[in-house]
Amino acid sequence: MARTALIIIDMQNGMFTEELHTQMHEGIALLENTSHLINAARKSGLAIIYIQHCAYPGQALIKGTEAWEIHQNIAPVEGDIIIEKIESSAFRGTELADILQEKNIDNLITCGMQSEHCVANTSLSALELGFTVNVASDCHSTFPSPQLTAKDIVEQQNSKLKAQGANVVSVSELVASGMAA
């Protein structure tokens, strides 16, 4: 039987500053959908793993700062796992794979920030390692680039991840499924 974990990637205060929040695709919905996933995961007894990016000096998300803290609307509780990372993939240079193996987890639900960076790279790394990956299609976001709107980037990443073998599923579908415990 598959054991599932919810992986919440880089949902930190620095991503939701007023300046960035106005550019983010569906920022309020992102927080609400993440909260729905967390509540469903808790009800199903799934492991909840928060990935917390630690930036280099001169960047946002510097460890120990207010910007680095996980957003209060979706903050971890006792028993949740928090993994710090410095790379785009939450598997690179962290204990994530070891923790998942120890817990016999082989099915992941990924969500968070940013769609084309940490969410995509973590999901792709998980696929390469043999995990079943369920990307919450309406629970990851990003900011616009000079070439694309944030919405276009999110849609592009959903298509790319699906083509690479991930299940791309809405939050409502994941919650209705019982989160595949």
N, C-alpha and C. Protein backbone atom coordinates (compact mmCIF):
# COMPACT_ATOMS: atom_id res chain seq x y z
N MET A 1 0.84 -1.19 0.00
CA MET A 1 0.00 0.00 0.00
C MET A 1 0.89 1.25 0.00
N ALA A 2 0.56 2.18 -0.85
CA ALA A 2 1.34 3.42 -0.96
C ALA A 2 1.16 4.27 0.29
N ARG A 3 2.26 4.81 0.77
CA ARG A 3 2.23 5.78 1.84
C ARG A 3 2.49 7.14 1.21
N THR A 4 1.73 8.12 1.63
CA THR A 4 1.76 9.43 0.98
C THR A 4 2.25 10.51 1.93
N ALA A 5 2.96 11.47 1.36
CA ALA A 5 3.38 12.67 2.10
C ALA A 5 2.99 13.90 1.29
N LEU A 6 2.59 14.93 1.99
CA LEU A 6 2.34 16.25 1.41
C LEU A 6 3.62 17.06 1.56
N ILE A 7 4.16 17.53 0.44
CA ILE A 7 5.39 18.31 0.43
C ILE A 7 5.02 19.77 0.09
N ILE A 8 5.22 20.66 1.05
CA ILE A 8 4.88 22.08 0.90
C ILE A 8 6.18 22.84 0.71
N ILE A 9 6.36 23.42 -0.46
CA ILE A 9 7.65 23.95 -0.87
C ILE A 9 7.70 25.49 -0.80
N ASP A 10 8.60 25.99 0.02
CA ASP A 10 8.96 27.42 0.06
C ASP A 10 7.78 28.38 0.25
N MET A 11 6.84 27.99 1.06
CA MET A 11 5.69 28.87 1.35
C MET A 11 6.07 29.77 2.53
N GLN A 12 7.00 30.67 2.25
CA GLN A 12 7.61 31.52 3.27
C GLN A 12 7.15 32.97 3.11
N ASN A 13 7.22 33.69 4.21
CA ASN A 13 6.75 35.08 4.23
C ASN A 13 7.34 35.93 3.11
N GLY A 14 8.60 35.74 2.80
CA GLY A 14 9.25 36.54 1.78
C GLY A 14 8.62 36.41 0.40
N MET A 15 7.90 35.33 0.17
CA MET A 15 7.20 35.14 -1.10
C MET A 15 5.91 35.94 -1.15
N PHE A 16 5.45 36.38 0.00
CA PHE A 16 4.15 37.03 0.09
C PHE A 16 4.24 38.49 0.52
N THR A 17 5.37 39.14 0.26
CA THR A 17 5.46 40.56 0.56
C THR A 17 4.46 41.29 -0.33
N GLU A 18 4.08 42.48 0.08
CA GLU A 18 3.07 43.21 -0.68
C GLU A 18 3.49 43.40 -2.13
N GLU A 19 4.73 43.74 -2.35
CA GLU A 19 5.23 43.95 -3.72
C GLU A 19 5.13 42.67 -4.55
N LEU A 20 5.57 41.56 -3.99
CA LEU A 20 5.54 40.30 -4.73
C LEU A 20 4.13 39.73 -4.82
N HIS A 21 3.37 39.86 -3.74
CA HIS A 21 2.03 39.27 -3.70
C HIS A 21 1.15 39.81 -4.83
N THR A 22 1.31 41.08 -5.18
CA THR A 22 0.49 41.66 -6.24
C THR A 22 0.86 41.08 -7.61
N GLN A 23 2.07 40.56 -7.74
CA GLN A 23 2.50 39.96 -9.00
C GLN A 23 2.26 38.46 -9.06
N MET A 24 2.13 37.84 -7.91
CA MET A 24 1.97 36.39 -7.82
C MET A 24 0.65 35.96 -8.44
N HIS A 25 0.67 34.84 -9.11
CA HIS A 25 -0.56 34.28 -9.67
C HIS A 25 -1.38 33.66 -8.55
N GLU A 26 -2.58 34.19 -8.31
CA GLU A 26 -3.55 33.61 -7.36
C GLU A 26 -2.95 33.36 -5.98
N GLY A 27 -2.29 34.38 -5.41
CA GLY A 27 -1.64 34.23 -4.12
C GLY A 27 -2.58 33.86 -2.98
N ILE A 28 -3.74 34.50 -2.91
CA ILE A 28 -4.70 34.19 -1.85
C ILE A 28 -5.21 32.77 -2.02
N ALA A 29 -5.54 32.40 -3.24
CA ALA A 29 -6.00 31.03 -3.51
C ALA A 29 -4.91 30.02 -3.18
N LEU A 30 -3.66 30.36 -3.42
CA LEU A 30 -2.55 29.46 -3.09
C LEU A 30 -2.54 29.15 -1.60
N LEU A 31 -2.67 30.18 -0.77
CA LEU A 31 -2.70 29.95 0.68
C LEU A 31 -3.92 29.15 1.09
N GLU A 32 -5.08 29.48 0.52
CA GLU A 32 -6.31 28.75 0.86
C GLU A 32 -6.22 27.29 0.43
N ASN A 33 -5.74 27.04 -0.78
CA ASN A 33 -5.62 25.67 -1.27
C ASN A 33 -4.60 24.87 -0.47
N THR A 34 -3.51 25.52 -0.10
CA THR A 34 -2.51 24.84 0.73
C THR A 34 -3.13 24.46 2.07
N SER A 35 -3.89 25.36 2.64
CA SER A 35 -4.57 25.08 3.91
C SER A 35 -5.53 23.89 3.76
N HIS A 36 -6.27 23.83 2.65
CA HIS A 36 -7.17 22.70 2.40
C HIS A 36 -6.39 21.38 2.33
N LEU A 37 -5.26 21.41 1.63
CA LEU A 37 -4.44 20.20 1.52
C LEU A 37 -3.91 19.78 2.89
N ILE A 38 -3.45 20.74 3.67
CA ILE A 38 -2.93 20.43 5.01
C ILE A 38 -4.02 19.81 5.87
N ASN A 39 -5.20 20.41 5.87
CA ASN A 39 -6.31 19.88 6.68
C ASN A 39 -6.67 18.45 6.25
N ALA A 40 -6.74 18.22 4.94
CA ALA A 40 -7.06 16.88 4.44
C ALA A 40 -5.95 15.89 4.79
N ALA A 41 -4.71 16.33 4.68
CA ALA A 41 -3.58 15.46 5.02
C ALA A 41 -3.62 15.08 6.50
N ARG A 42 -3.91 16.04 7.36
CA ARG A 42 -3.99 15.75 8.80
C ARG A 42 -5.11 14.74 9.07
N LYS A 43 -6.28 14.93 8.44
CA LYS A 43 -7.40 14.00 8.63
C LYS A 43 -7.05 12.60 8.16
N SER A 44 -6.25 12.50 7.11
CA SER A 44 -5.87 11.20 6.55
C SER A 44 -4.64 10.60 7.22
N GLY A 45 -4.03 11.36 8.12
CA GLY A 45 -2.84 10.87 8.80
C GLY A 45 -1.59 10.84 7.96
N LEU A 46 -1.54 11.70 6.94
CA LEU A 46 -0.36 11.73 6.06
C LEU A 46 0.78 12.51 6.71
N ALA A 47 1.98 12.18 6.32
CA ALA A 47 3.14 12.97 6.72
C ALA A 47 3.05 14.32 6.01
N ILE A 48 3.36 15.38 6.74
CA ILE A 48 3.39 16.73 6.16
C ILE A 48 4.81 17.24 6.30
N ILE A 49 5.40 17.56 5.16
CA ILE A 49 6.79 17.99 5.13
C ILE A 49 6.86 19.38 4.52
N TYR A 50 7.41 20.31 5.29
CA TYR A 50 7.62 21.68 4.83
C TYR A 50 9.06 21.80 4.36
N ILE A 51 9.22 22.38 3.19
CA ILE A 51 10.54 22.68 2.65
C ILE A 51 10.75 24.18 2.82
N GLN A 52 11.86 24.54 3.43
CA GLN A 52 12.13 25.94 3.75
C GLN A 52 13.45 26.35 3.11
N HIS A 53 13.36 27.24 2.14
CA HIS A 53 14.55 27.68 1.42
C HIS A 53 15.40 28.60 2.29
N CYS A 54 16.69 28.38 2.24
CA CYS A 54 17.66 29.21 2.96
C CYS A 54 18.53 29.91 1.92
N ALA A 55 18.32 31.19 1.75
CA ALA A 55 19.03 31.95 0.70
C ALA A 55 20.40 32.40 1.18
N TYR A 56 21.18 32.82 0.22
CA TYR A 56 22.50 33.36 0.50
C TYR A 56 22.38 34.82 0.90
N PRO A 57 23.36 35.36 1.63
CA PRO A 57 23.31 36.78 2.00
C PRO A 57 23.09 37.67 0.78
N GLY A 58 22.25 38.68 0.96
CA GLY A 58 21.93 39.60 -0.13
C GLY A 58 20.69 39.20 -0.89
N GLN A 59 20.13 38.01 -0.59
CA GLN A 59 18.91 37.54 -1.25
C GLN A 59 17.76 37.56 -0.25
N ALA A 60 16.56 37.32 -0.75
CA ALA A 60 15.41 37.15 0.15
C ALA A 60 15.51 35.77 0.80
N LEU A 61 14.73 35.53 1.82
CA LEU A 61 14.64 34.24 2.52
C LEU A 61 15.93 33.85 3.24
N ILE A 62 16.58 34.85 3.85
CA ILE A 62 17.78 34.59 4.65
C ILE A 62 17.34 33.90 5.95
N LYS A 63 17.99 32.79 6.26
CA LYS A 63 17.65 32.02 7.46
C LYS A 63 17.62 32.91 8.70
N GLY A 64 16.57 32.75 9.48
CA GLY A 64 16.43 33.50 10.73
C GLY A 64 15.69 34.82 10.60
N THR A 65 15.40 35.23 9.36
CA THR A 65 14.68 36.50 9.18
C THR A 65 13.17 36.24 9.13
N GLU A 66 12.39 37.29 9.26
CA GLU A 66 10.94 37.19 9.14
C GLU A 66 10.54 36.66 7.77
N ALA A 67 11.24 37.10 6.73
CA ALA A 67 10.95 36.64 5.37
C ALA A 67 11.15 35.14 5.22
N TRP A 68 12.06 34.56 5.98
CA TRP A 68 12.39 33.14 5.92
C TRP A 68 11.34 32.25 6.59
N GLU A 69 10.61 32.80 7.54
CA GLU A 69 9.62 32.01 8.29
C GLU A 69 8.51 31.50 7.37
N ILE A 70 7.98 30.33 7.68
CA ILE A 70 6.85 29.77 6.93
C ILE A 70 5.62 30.62 7.21
N HIS A 71 4.84 30.89 6.19
CA HIS A 71 3.67 31.77 6.30
C HIS A 71 2.75 31.30 7.42
N GLN A 72 2.33 32.24 8.25
CA GLN A 72 1.53 31.90 9.44
C GLN A 72 0.20 31.22 9.11
N ASN A 73 -0.37 31.47 7.95
CA ASN A 73 -1.66 30.86 7.60
C ASN A 73 -1.56 29.36 7.37
N ILE A 74 -0.36 28.88 7.16
CA ILE A 74 -0.17 27.44 6.89
C ILE A 74 0.98 26.88 7.73
N ALA A 75 1.24 27.49 8.86
CA ALA A 75 2.40 27.13 9.68
C ALA A 75 2.37 25.68 10.14
N PRO A 76 3.55 25.08 10.26
CA PRO A 76 3.63 23.71 10.75
C PRO A 76 3.21 23.61 12.22
N VAL A 77 2.83 22.40 12.60
CA VAL A 77 2.51 22.10 14.00
C VAL A 77 3.43 20.97 14.44
N GLU A 78 3.39 20.68 15.72
CA GLU A 78 4.22 19.61 16.26
C GLU A 78 3.94 18.31 15.50
N GLY A 79 5.00 17.65 15.13
CA GLY A 79 4.88 16.41 14.37
C GLY A 79 5.13 16.59 12.88
N ASP A 80 4.96 17.81 12.38
CA ASP A 80 5.30 18.07 10.98
C ASP A 80 6.81 18.10 10.84
N ILE A 81 7.28 17.81 9.66
CA ILE A 81 8.72 17.79 9.38
C ILE A 81 9.08 19.05 8.62
N ILE A 82 10.18 19.68 9.01
CA ILE A 82 10.69 20.86 8.30
C ILE A 82 12.09 20.54 7.82
N ILE A 83 12.29 20.73 6.52
CA ILE A 83 13.60 20.47 5.91
C ILE A 83 14.08 21.77 5.27
N GLU A 84 15.28 22.15 5.63
CA GLU A 84 15.89 23.34 5.04
C GLU A 84 16.69 22.94 3.81
N LYS A 85 16.65 23.82 2.80
CA LYS A 85 17.39 23.55 1.57
C LYS A 85 18.06 24.82 1.06
N ILE A 86 19.08 24.64 0.24
CA ILE A 86 19.71 25.78 -0.42
C ILE A 86 19.66 25.64 -1.94
N GLU A 87 19.27 24.48 -2.42
CA GLU A 87 19.17 24.22 -3.86
C GLU A 87 17.71 24.32 -4.30
N SER A 88 17.48 24.31 -5.58
CA SER A 88 16.13 24.38 -6.12
C SER A 88 15.34 23.10 -5.85
N SER A 89 15.97 21.95 -5.96
CA SER A 89 15.30 20.69 -5.65
C SER A 89 15.44 20.40 -4.17
N ALA A 90 14.34 20.08 -3.52
CA ALA A 90 14.35 19.76 -2.09
C ALA A 90 15.08 18.45 -1.80
N PHE A 91 15.42 17.68 -2.82
CA PHE A 91 16.15 16.43 -2.63
C PHE A 91 17.66 16.65 -2.64
N ARG A 92 18.11 17.73 -3.24
CA ARG A 92 19.55 17.95 -3.41
C ARG A 92 20.16 18.53 -2.13
N GLY A 93 21.08 17.79 -1.54
CA GLY A 93 21.79 18.26 -0.37
C GLY A 93 20.96 18.24 0.92
N THR A 94 19.86 17.50 0.93
CA THR A 94 19.02 17.41 2.13
C THR A 94 18.79 15.95 2.50
N GLU A 95 18.13 15.76 3.61
CA GLU A 95 17.79 14.42 4.08
C GLU A 95 16.40 13.98 3.63
N LEU A 96 15.77 14.68 2.69
CA LEU A 96 14.41 14.39 2.29
C LEU A 96 14.24 12.94 1.83
N ALA A 97 15.08 12.47 0.92
CA ALA A 97 14.94 11.09 0.42
C ALA A 97 15.07 10.08 1.55
N ASP A 98 16.00 10.31 2.47
CA ASP A 98 16.19 9.40 3.60
C ASP A 98 14.96 9.36 4.50
N ILE A 99 14.39 10.52 4.77
CA ILE A 99 13.19 10.59 5.62
C ILE A 99 12.03 9.85 4.95
N LEU A 100 11.85 10.07 3.67
CA LEU A 100 10.76 9.39 2.95
C LEU A 100 10.97 7.88 2.97
N GLN A 101 12.20 7.44 2.79
CA GLN A 101 12.50 6.02 2.82
C GLN A 101 12.24 5.44 4.21
N GLU A 102 12.68 6.13 5.25
CA GLU A 102 12.46 5.67 6.63
C GLU A 102 10.97 5.50 6.94
N LYS A 103 10.15 6.37 6.37
CA LYS A 103 8.71 6.35 6.62
C LYS A 103 7.96 5.49 5.60
N ASN A 104 8.69 4.82 4.72
CA ASN A 104 8.09 3.99 3.67
C ASN A 104 7.11 4.76 2.80
N ILE A 105 7.46 5.98 2.50
CA ILE A 105 6.61 6.84 1.66
C ILE A 105 7.08 6.71 0.22
N ASP A 106 6.12 6.45 -0.67
CA ASP A 106 6.46 6.36 -2.08
C ASP A 106 5.54 7.19 -2.96
N ASN A 107 4.63 7.91 -2.36
CA ASN A 107 3.66 8.73 -3.08
C ASN A 107 3.72 10.14 -2.52
N LEU A 108 3.95 11.13 -3.38
CA LEU A 108 4.10 12.51 -2.93
C LEU A 108 3.04 13.41 -3.56
N ILE A 109 2.61 14.38 -2.78
CA ILE A 109 1.78 15.47 -3.28
C ILE A 109 2.63 16.73 -3.12
N THR A 110 2.89 17.42 -4.22
CA THR A 110 3.72 18.62 -4.16
C THR A 110 2.90 19.87 -4.42
N CYS A 111 3.28 20.94 -3.72
CA CYS A 111 2.64 22.24 -3.89
C CYS A 111 3.62 23.31 -3.41
N GLY A 112 3.33 24.58 -3.71
CA GLY A 112 4.15 25.65 -3.16
C GLY A 112 4.64 26.66 -4.18
N MET A 113 5.84 27.16 -3.92
CA MET A 113 6.47 28.22 -4.69
C MET A 113 7.83 27.75 -5.18
N GLN A 114 8.35 28.18 -6.17
CA GLN A 114 7.82 28.76 -7.36
C GLN A 114 7.65 27.65 -8.37
N SER A 115 6.62 27.77 -9.16
CA SER A 115 6.23 26.71 -10.09
C SER A 115 7.38 26.22 -10.96
N GLU A 116 8.08 27.15 -11.60
CA GLU A 116 9.10 26.78 -12.58
C GLU A 116 10.46 26.49 -11.96
N HIS A 117 10.58 26.70 -10.70
CA HIS A 117 11.87 26.45 -10.03
C HIS A 117 11.74 25.31 -9.03
N CYS A 118 11.49 25.64 -7.79
CA CYS A 118 11.55 24.63 -6.73
C CYS A 118 10.44 23.59 -6.81
N VAL A 119 9.24 23.97 -7.21
CA VAL A 119 8.16 22.97 -7.33
C VAL A 119 8.49 22.01 -8.47
N ALA A 120 8.84 22.54 -9.62
CA ALA A 120 9.16 21.68 -10.77
C ALA A 120 10.39 20.82 -10.48
N ASN A 121 11.44 21.41 -9.95
CA ASN A 121 12.68 20.66 -9.74
C ASN A 121 12.55 19.60 -8.66
N THR A 122 11.80 19.89 -7.61
CA THR A 122 11.55 18.89 -6.57
C THR A 122 10.70 17.75 -7.14
N SER A 123 9.67 18.10 -7.89
CA SER A 123 8.80 17.07 -8.48
C SER A 123 9.56 16.20 -9.47
N LEU A 124 10.38 16.81 -10.31
CA LEU A 124 11.16 16.05 -11.28
C LEU A 124 12.20 15.16 -10.60
N SER A 125 12.84 15.66 -9.55
CA SER A 125 13.79 14.84 -8.80
C SER A 125 13.09 13.64 -8.18
N ALA A 126 11.89 13.86 -7.65
CA ALA A 126 11.11 12.77 -7.04
C ALA A 126 10.78 11.71 -8.08
N LEU A 127 10.38 12.14 -9.27
CA LEU A 127 10.09 11.19 -10.35
C LEU A 127 11.33 10.38 -10.70
N GLU A 128 12.47 11.04 -10.81
CA GLU A 128 13.73 10.35 -11.12
C GLU A 128 14.08 9.32 -10.06
N LEU A 129 13.70 9.59 -8.81
CA LEU A 129 13.99 8.67 -7.71
C LEU A 129 12.95 7.56 -7.58
N GLY A 130 11.93 7.57 -8.44
CA GLY A 130 10.95 6.50 -8.44
C GLY A 130 9.69 6.75 -7.62
N PHE A 131 9.52 7.94 -7.12
CA PHE A 131 8.30 8.27 -6.38
C PHE A 131 7.15 8.52 -7.35
N THR A 132 5.94 8.22 -6.91
CA THR A 132 4.75 8.67 -7.61
C THR A 132 4.55 10.12 -7.18
N VAL A 133 4.39 11.02 -8.14
CA VAL A 133 4.27 12.44 -7.83
C VAL A 133 2.92 12.95 -8.30
N ASN A 134 2.22 13.57 -7.37
CA ASN A 134 0.94 14.22 -7.65
C ASN A 134 1.16 15.71 -7.44
N VAL A 135 1.17 16.47 -8.51
CA VAL A 135 1.33 17.91 -8.42
C VAL A 135 -0.05 18.52 -8.27
N ALA A 136 -0.24 19.30 -7.21
CA ALA A 136 -1.52 19.99 -7.00
C ALA A 136 -1.58 21.14 -8.01
N SER A 137 -2.31 20.94 -9.08
CA SER A 137 -2.30 21.84 -10.23
C SER A 137 -2.66 23.28 -9.90
N ASP A 138 -3.51 23.47 -8.90
CA ASP A 138 -3.95 24.82 -8.52
C ASP A 138 -3.41 25.20 -7.15
N CYS A 139 -2.26 24.62 -6.81
CA CYS A 139 -1.66 24.91 -5.51
C CYS A 139 -0.15 25.09 -5.63
N HIS A 140 0.25 25.72 -6.72
CA HIS A 140 1.61 26.22 -6.85
C HIS A 140 1.52 27.49 -7.66
N SER A 141 2.48 28.37 -7.45
CA SER A 141 2.41 29.67 -8.10
C SER A 141 3.80 30.21 -8.35
N THR A 142 3.81 31.38 -8.99
CA THR A 142 5.06 32.03 -9.31
C THR A 142 4.79 33.49 -9.64
N PHE A 143 5.80 34.13 -10.17
CA PHE A 143 5.74 35.54 -10.57
C PHE A 143 5.95 35.63 -12.08
N PRO A 144 5.51 36.70 -12.71
CA PRO A 144 5.70 36.81 -14.16
C PRO A 144 7.18 36.94 -14.53
N SER A 145 7.48 36.52 -15.74
CA SER A 145 8.82 36.73 -16.32
C SER A 145 8.66 37.81 -17.39
N PRO A 146 9.75 38.29 -17.96
CA PRO A 146 9.61 39.26 -19.05
C PRO A 146 8.84 38.70 -20.25
N GLN A 147 8.85 37.37 -20.42
CA GLN A 147 8.22 36.76 -21.57
C GLN A 147 6.81 36.22 -21.30
N LEU A 148 6.52 35.81 -20.06
CA LEU A 148 5.27 35.12 -19.77
C LEU A 148 4.58 35.68 -18.52
N THR A 149 3.27 35.60 -18.50
CA THR A 149 2.54 35.94 -17.28
C THR A 149 2.76 34.81 -16.27
N ALA A 150 2.51 35.11 -15.00
CA ALA A 150 2.63 34.08 -13.97
C ALA A 150 1.66 32.93 -14.24
N LYS A 151 0.45 33.26 -14.67
CA LYS A 151 -0.54 32.23 -14.99
C LYS A 151 -0.02 31.32 -16.10
N ASP A 152 0.58 31.90 -17.13
CA ASP A 152 1.12 31.09 -18.23
C ASP A 152 2.23 30.16 -17.74
N ILE A 153 3.06 30.65 -16.84
CA ILE A 153 4.14 29.83 -16.30
C ILE A 153 3.57 28.65 -15.51
N VAL A 154 2.56 28.91 -14.68
CA VAL A 154 1.93 27.83 -13.90
C VAL A 154 1.36 26.78 -14.86
N GLU A 155 0.62 27.21 -15.87
CA GLU A 155 0.03 26.27 -16.83
C GLU A 155 1.12 25.50 -17.59
N GLN A 156 2.17 26.20 -17.97
CA GLN A 156 3.28 25.57 -18.67
C GLN A 156 3.93 24.49 -17.81
N GLN A 157 4.12 24.78 -16.53
CA GLN A 157 4.73 23.80 -15.63
C GLN A 157 3.82 22.60 -15.40
N ASN A 158 2.51 22.84 -15.29
CA ASN A 158 1.58 21.71 -15.16
C ASN A 158 1.70 20.78 -16.36
N SER A 159 1.76 21.35 -17.56
CA SER A 159 1.90 20.54 -18.78
C SER A 159 3.23 19.81 -18.81
N LYS A 160 4.29 20.50 -18.47
CA LYS A 160 5.63 19.91 -18.47
C LYS A 160 5.71 18.76 -17.47
N LEU A 161 5.20 18.96 -16.27
CA LEU A 161 5.28 17.92 -15.25
C LEU A 161 4.43 16.71 -15.62
N LYS A 162 3.28 16.96 -16.21
CA LYS A 162 2.42 15.86 -16.67
C LYS A 162 3.16 15.05 -17.75
N ALA A 163 3.79 15.75 -18.68
CA ALA A 163 4.52 15.07 -19.76
C ALA A 163 5.69 14.24 -19.22
N GLN A 164 6.23 14.64 -18.06
CA GLN A 164 7.34 13.91 -17.46
C GLN A 164 6.88 12.75 -16.58
N GLY A 165 5.55 12.60 -16.40
CA GLY A 165 5.05 11.46 -15.66
C GLY A 165 4.37 11.76 -14.34
N ALA A 166 4.28 13.02 -13.99
CA ALA A 166 3.57 13.38 -12.75
C ALA A 166 2.06 13.35 -13.00
N ASN A 167 1.32 13.05 -11.96
CA ASN A 167 -0.13 13.22 -12.00
C ASN A 167 -0.40 14.66 -11.64
N VAL A 168 -1.07 15.38 -12.49
CA VAL A 168 -1.38 16.79 -12.24
C VAL A 168 -2.86 16.86 -11.91
N VAL A 169 -3.16 17.14 -10.64
CA VAL A 169 -4.50 16.98 -10.10
C VAL A 169 -4.88 18.20 -9.28
N SER A 170 -6.14 18.61 -9.37
CA SER A 170 -6.58 19.78 -8.61
C SER A 170 -6.68 19.45 -7.11
N VAL A 171 -6.66 20.49 -6.30
CA VAL A 171 -6.80 20.33 -4.86
C VAL A 171 -8.12 19.64 -4.53
N SER A 172 -9.20 20.06 -5.18
CA SER A 172 -10.50 19.45 -4.88
C SER A 172 -10.50 17.95 -5.20
N GLU A 173 -9.84 17.56 -6.28
CA GLU A 173 -9.75 16.13 -6.62
C GLU A 173 -8.90 15.37 -5.59
N LEU A 174 -7.79 15.98 -5.17
CA LEU A 174 -6.94 15.34 -4.17
C LEU A 174 -7.70 15.16 -2.85
N VAL A 175 -8.39 16.20 -2.41
CA VAL A 175 -9.14 16.14 -1.15
C VAL A 175 -10.25 15.10 -1.26
N ALA A 176 -10.97 15.09 -2.38
CA ALA A 176 -12.08 14.14 -2.57
C ALA A 176 -11.58 12.69 -2.58
N SER A 177 -10.34 12.49 -3.02
CA SER A 177 -9.76 11.14 -3.09
C SER A 177 -9.31 10.62 -1.73
N GLY A 178 -9.38 11.48 -0.71
CA GLY A 178 -8.86 11.08 0.60
C GLY A 178 -7.35 11.19 0.67
N MET A 179 -6.76 11.85 -0.30
CA MET A 179 -5.33 12.14 -0.38
C MET A 179 -4.48 10.88 -0.57
N ALA A 180 -5.08 9.79 -0.98
CA ALA A 180 -4.34 8.56 -1.32
C ALA A 180 -3.43 8.09 -0.19
N ALA A 181 -3.99 8.00 1.00
CA ALA A 181 -3.18 7.60 2.18
C ALA A 181 -2.61 6.20 2.02
